[in-house]
Amino acid sequence: MLGEDMRAIDTCCFVFPTKEILRYMVYAWGYFEGYLDLFGRNIVKAVGYSVEEYERLKKTMPLDELRDYMAKLIEKFAIPLKIFVKMLDEAGIEKANHINEDAETTTGVKPLSNDYIASIVKEYPDKLTAFAGIDPHKGEKAVEEVERAVAKLELSGITLYPFKHRLYPNDPKYYPIYEKCIDLDVPVWIHTSNNWDFTVSADYGHPKARRKAVRQCHSSNRLSNLYSKQCHLPQP
């Protein structure tokens, strides 16, 4: 328990533990075989199976069927929001911020709607916040979704995944999104870390890529007021 004079805000709460979000995590992250292995081994251990059982399943099932099986298993860990909020209180966490995502263009995985995430936040607005998932490859529709997610759904910022989008943070496709976030005065959460997608360069998530984007933004009068946050633990 934290001391009374301390505050904790979880700015990187990947999962509000509903069935829908847990299942989505398996499909969205399990799209990458490295993440499927990482999550799958932990899921089977959590339900009492051995890691060897996961390896057996992987050898005998097509990957799509394995994802379906893991998604069914992970449903067991769904927690009613009321209990989840109580857990946050008991841990001394003042707020938890969920980071939604949208990488549909590059992965083909249909994202959870920002409307759904906003509906969860509205149940406990004093305890939960969320950032909208945005796919930069959707062009003007992506910019319109930023506006809608913040102005109508009252989400607190947006989330970008360069390694999933196959873009560096300073790619021109991101700039209209950055500009809209400046107009709306909301932060941008950018994934900067190692990743377990063995088909793409880790440089997409290297902190130096975000730093370069920040420098370019600050050298531009239009983008100098962008507030961005890099998450999570980066590589050296």
Protein backbone atom coordinates (compact mmCIF):
# COMPACT_ATOMS: atom_id res chain seq x y z
CA MET A 1 0.00 0.00 0.00
CA LEU A 2 1.29 3.45 -0.89
CA GLY A 3 1.77 6.06 1.80
CA GLU A 4 -0.97 8.63 2.25
CA ASP A 5 1.23 11.35 0.78
CA MET A 6 1.87 9.41 -2.43
CA ARG A 7 -0.23 9.12 -5.59
CA ALA A 8 -0.04 6.42 -8.24
CA ILE A 9 -1.47 6.72 -11.74
CA ASP A 10 -1.13 3.75 -14.07
CA THR A 11 -0.65 5.48 -17.42
CA CYS A 12 -0.04 2.20 -19.25
CA CYS A 13 -2.88 -0.08 -18.20
CA PHE A 14 -2.95 -2.30 -21.27
CA VAL A 15 -6.02 -4.18 -20.16
CA PHE A 16 -9.30 -3.36 -18.54
CA PRO A 17 -10.00 -7.05 -17.78
CA THR A 18 -13.26 -7.59 -19.67
CA LYS A 19 -13.75 -10.70 -21.79
CA GLU A 20 -13.83 -8.60 -24.95
CA ILE A 21 -10.53 -6.88 -24.23
CA LEU A 22 -8.77 -10.04 -23.10
CA ARG A 23 -9.84 -11.89 -26.23
CA TYR A 24 -8.81 -8.96 -28.40
CA MET A 25 -5.35 -8.95 -26.84
CA VAL A 26 -4.83 -12.55 -27.94
CA TYR A 27 -5.81 -11.79 -31.54
CA ALA A 28 -4.13 -8.38 -31.83
CA TRP A 29 -0.85 -9.36 -30.22
CA GLY A 30 -1.05 -13.04 -31.10
CA TYR A 31 -1.08 -11.95 -34.74
CA PHE A 32 2.70 -11.87 -34.24
CA GLU A 33 4.03 -15.36 -33.63
CA GLY A 34 6.55 -14.15 -31.07
CA TYR A 35 3.82 -12.56 -28.96
CA LEU A 36 1.56 -15.59 -29.43
CA ASP A 37 4.30 -17.72 -27.90
CA LEU A 38 4.93 -15.21 -25.11
CA PHE A 39 1.25 -14.90 -24.17
CA GLY A 40 0.34 -18.50 -24.94
CA ARG A 41 2.93 -20.03 -22.63
CA ASN A 42 1.79 -17.79 -19.78
CA ILE A 43 -1.89 -18.44 -20.44
CA VAL A 44 -1.53 -22.23 -20.34
CA LYS A 45 0.57 -22.02 -17.15
CA ALA A 46 -2.08 -19.82 -15.54
CA VAL A 47 -4.78 -22.43 -16.17
CA GLY A 48 -2.62 -25.24 -14.82
CA TYR A 49 -1.09 -26.68 -17.99
CA SER A 50 2.61 -27.03 -18.73
CA VAL A 51 4.62 -25.04 -21.24
CA GLU A 52 5.17 -28.34 -23.03
CA GLU A 53 1.41 -28.54 -23.54
CA TYR A 54 1.53 -25.18 -25.33
CA GLU A 55 4.34 -26.43 -27.56
CA ARG A 56 2.31 -29.55 -28.34
CA LEU A 57 -0.73 -27.46 -29.24
CA LYS A 58 1.36 -25.24 -31.47
CA LYS A 59 2.70 -28.25 -33.37
CA THR A 60 -0.74 -29.78 -33.90
CA MET A 61 -2.91 -26.68 -34.55
CA PRO A 62 -2.90 -24.10 -37.34
CA LEU A 63 -2.02 -20.70 -35.85
CA ASP A 64 -5.57 -19.37 -36.36
CA GLU A 65 -6.99 -22.29 -34.38
CA LEU A 66 -4.35 -21.83 -31.68
CA ARG A 67 -5.33 -18.17 -31.32
CA ASP A 68 -8.99 -19.16 -31.00
CA TYR A 69 -8.07 -21.69 -28.32
CA MET A 70 -5.95 -19.19 -26.36
CA ALA A 71 -8.71 -16.58 -26.63
CA LYS A 72 -11.16 -19.05 -25.09
CA LEU A 73 -8.76 -19.87 -22.27
CA ILE A 74 -8.03 -16.25 -21.42
CA GLU A 75 -11.71 -15.50 -20.90
CA LYS A 76 -11.35 -17.31 -17.56
CA PHE A 77 -9.38 -14.32 -16.25
CA ALA A 78 -12.02 -11.68 -16.93
CA ILE A 79 -12.82 -9.62 -13.84
CA PRO A 80 -16.01 -7.58 -13.23
CA LEU A 81 -15.15 -3.90 -13.43
CA LYS A 82 -16.46 -3.32 -9.91
CA ILE A 83 -13.89 -5.77 -8.54
CA PHE A 84 -11.14 -4.38 -10.78
CA VAL A 85 -11.77 -0.87 -9.47
CA LYS A 86 -11.70 -2.18 -5.90
CA MET A 87 -8.33 -3.80 -6.63
CA LEU A 88 -7.01 -0.45 -7.87
CA ASP A 89 -8.22 1.24 -4.69
CA GLU A 90 -6.61 -1.39 -2.48
CA ALA A 91 -3.33 -1.01 -4.36
CA GLY A 92 -3.39 2.77 -3.89
CA ILE A 93 -3.73 3.46 -7.62
CA GLU A 94 -5.63 6.68 -8.16
CA LYS A 95 -6.40 6.15 -11.84
CA ALA A 96 -5.77 3.52 -14.53
CA ASN A 97 -5.45 4.58 -18.15
CA HIS A 98 -6.24 1.98 -20.82
CA ILE A 99 -4.45 2.26 -24.16
CA ASN A 100 -6.62 1.16 -27.03
CA GLU A 101 -5.02 0.44 -30.41
CA ASP A 102 -5.77 0.27 -34.11
CA ALA A 103 -3.38 -1.46 -36.51
CA GLU A 104 -6.03 -2.88 -38.79
CA THR A 105 -4.41 -1.79 -42.06
CA THR A 106 -1.15 -3.64 -41.44
CA THR A 107 -2.42 -6.63 -39.46
CA GLY A 108 -5.98 -7.14 -40.65
CA VAL A 109 -7.14 -7.44 -37.03
CA LYS A 110 -10.36 -5.50 -36.47
CA PRO A 111 -9.81 -3.18 -33.49
CA LEU A 112 -12.04 -2.80 -30.50
CA SER A 113 -14.02 0.35 -31.11
CA ASN A 114 -13.12 3.48 -29.21
CA ASP A 115 -16.83 3.68 -28.39
CA TYR A 116 -16.60 0.42 -26.45
CA ILE A 117 -13.57 1.61 -24.49
CA ALA A 118 -15.31 4.92 -23.75
CA SER A 119 -18.36 3.05 -22.44
CA ILE A 120 -16.14 1.33 -19.86
CA VAL A 121 -14.59 4.61 -18.77
CA LYS A 122 -18.03 6.14 -18.33
CA GLU A 123 -18.88 3.47 -15.75
CA TYR A 124 -16.08 4.65 -13.45
CA PRO A 125 -15.00 8.11 -14.69
CA ASP A 126 -13.27 9.00 -11.43
CA LYS A 127 -11.06 5.92 -11.60
CA LEU A 128 -10.63 5.01 -15.29
CA THR A 129 -9.40 6.93 -18.32
CA ALA A 130 -8.39 5.77 -21.80
CA PHE A 131 -6.53 6.71 -24.96
CA ALA A 132 -8.07 6.08 -28.37
CA GLY A 133 -6.57 3.65 -30.86
CA ILE A 134 -5.68 5.36 -34.15
CA ASP A 135 -4.47 3.86 -37.44
CA PRO A 136 -2.45 6.46 -39.41
CA HIS A 137 -2.87 4.49 -42.64
CA LYS A 138 -6.56 5.43 -42.63
CA GLY A 139 -5.63 8.98 -43.57
CA GLU A 140 -8.31 11.62 -43.10
CA LYS A 141 -10.57 9.09 -41.37
CA ALA A 142 -7.86 8.66 -38.73
CA VAL A 143 -7.76 12.41 -38.11
CA GLU A 144 -11.56 12.51 -37.89
CA GLU A 145 -11.46 9.64 -35.40
CA VAL A 146 -9.05 11.59 -33.19
CA GLU A 147 -11.52 14.48 -33.16
CA ARG A 148 -14.49 12.20 -32.44
CA ALA A 149 -12.71 10.17 -29.77
CA VAL A 150 -11.69 13.25 -27.82
CA ALA A 151 -14.56 15.68 -28.44
CA LYS A 152 -17.48 13.23 -28.43
CA LEU A 153 -16.28 10.16 -26.55
CA GLU A 154 -14.22 12.21 -24.08
CA LEU A 155 -11.16 9.98 -24.25
CA SER A 156 -8.00 11.52 -22.87
CA GLY A 157 -5.48 11.09 -25.69
CA ILE A 158 -4.43 8.73 -28.48
CA THR A 159 -2.22 5.67 -28.86
CA LEU A 160 0.24 4.92 -31.69
CA TYR A 161 2.21 1.73 -32.34
CA PRO A 162 5.02 2.46 -34.83
CA PHE A 163 6.19 -1.15 -35.03
CA LYS A 164 2.65 -2.37 -35.74
CA HIS A 165 2.01 0.47 -38.19
CA ARG A 166 5.38 -0.19 -39.89
CA LEU A 167 6.17 3.51 -39.58
CA TYR A 168 8.75 5.54 -37.71
CA PRO A 169 7.30 8.15 -35.31
CA ASN A 170 8.50 10.94 -37.62
CA ASP A 171 6.75 9.49 -40.68
CA PRO A 172 4.62 12.12 -42.48
CA LYS A 173 1.53 9.91 -42.06
CA TYR A 174 1.60 10.70 -38.35
CA TYR A 175 1.83 14.47 -38.69
CA PRO A 176 -1.86 15.26 -39.37
CA ILE A 177 -2.65 13.19 -36.25
CA TYR A 178 -0.08 15.14 -34.22
CA GLU A 179 -1.57 18.40 -35.46
CA LYS A 180 -5.07 17.37 -34.45
CA CYS A 181 -3.83 16.38 -30.99
CA ILE A 182 -2.26 19.82 -30.61
CA ASP A 183 -5.57 21.44 -31.61
CA LEU A 184 -7.40 19.31 -29.03
CA ASP A 185 -4.66 19.70 -26.39
CA VAL A 186 -4.31 15.97 -25.73
CA PRO A 187 -1.20 13.77 -25.42
CA VAL A 188 0.07 11.11 -27.80
CA TRP A 189 1.18 7.74 -26.35
CA ILE A 190 3.89 6.18 -28.54
CA HIS A 191 5.09 2.60 -28.12
CA THR A 192 8.89 2.61 -27.76
CA SER A 193 10.40 -0.68 -26.76
CA ASN A 194 11.65 -4.01 -27.96
CA ASN A 195 9.01 -6.09 -29.64
CA TRP A 196 8.48 -9.79 -30.34
CA ASP A 197 7.52 -9.33 -33.97
CA PHE A 198 10.40 -11.11 -35.65
CA THR A 199 9.44 -9.82 -39.10
CA VAL A 200 10.15 -6.13 -38.50
CA SER A 201 13.12 -4.07 -37.36
CA ALA A 202 13.23 -3.18 -33.67
CA ASP A 203 14.26 0.32 -34.75
CA TYR A 204 10.60 1.25 -35.20
CA GLY A 205 10.30 1.18 -31.43
CA HIS A 206 13.72 2.51 -30.51
CA PRO A 207 13.58 5.68 -28.33
CA LYS A 208 15.92 7.42 -30.78
CA ALA A 209 13.13 7.29 -33.39
CA ARG A 210 10.75 9.10 -31.04
CA ARG A 211 13.47 11.61 -30.10
CA LYS A 212 13.99 12.37 -33.77
CA ALA A 213 10.26 12.93 -34.20
CA VAL A 214 10.18 15.21 -31.16
CA ARG A 215 13.10 17.26 -32.49
CA GLN A 216 11.39 17.64 -35.85
CA CYS A 217 8.15 18.65 -34.17
CA HIS A 218 9.91 21.22 -32.01
CA SER A 219 11.65 22.67 -35.06
CA SER A 220 8.23 23.21 -36.64
CA ASN A 221 6.16 26.14 -35.44
CA ARG A 222 3.02 24.12 -36.09
CA LEU A 223 4.08 21.09 -34.05
CA SER A 224 6.19 22.65 -31.32
CA ASN A 225 3.44 22.20 -28.71
CA LEU A 226 3.00 18.46 -29.20
CA TYR A 227 2.99 16.50 -25.94
CA SER A 228 4.10 12.91 -26.45
CA LYS A 229 4.85 10.11 -24.02
CA GLN A 230 7.06 7.13 -24.77
CA CYS A 231 6.11 3.78 -23.26
CA HIS A 232 7.15 1.28 -22.05
CA LEU A 233 10.64 0.21 -20.88
CA PRO A 234 12.88 0.90 -23.90
CA GLN A 235 15.95 -0.88 -25.14
CA PRO A 236 19.34 0.83 -24.67
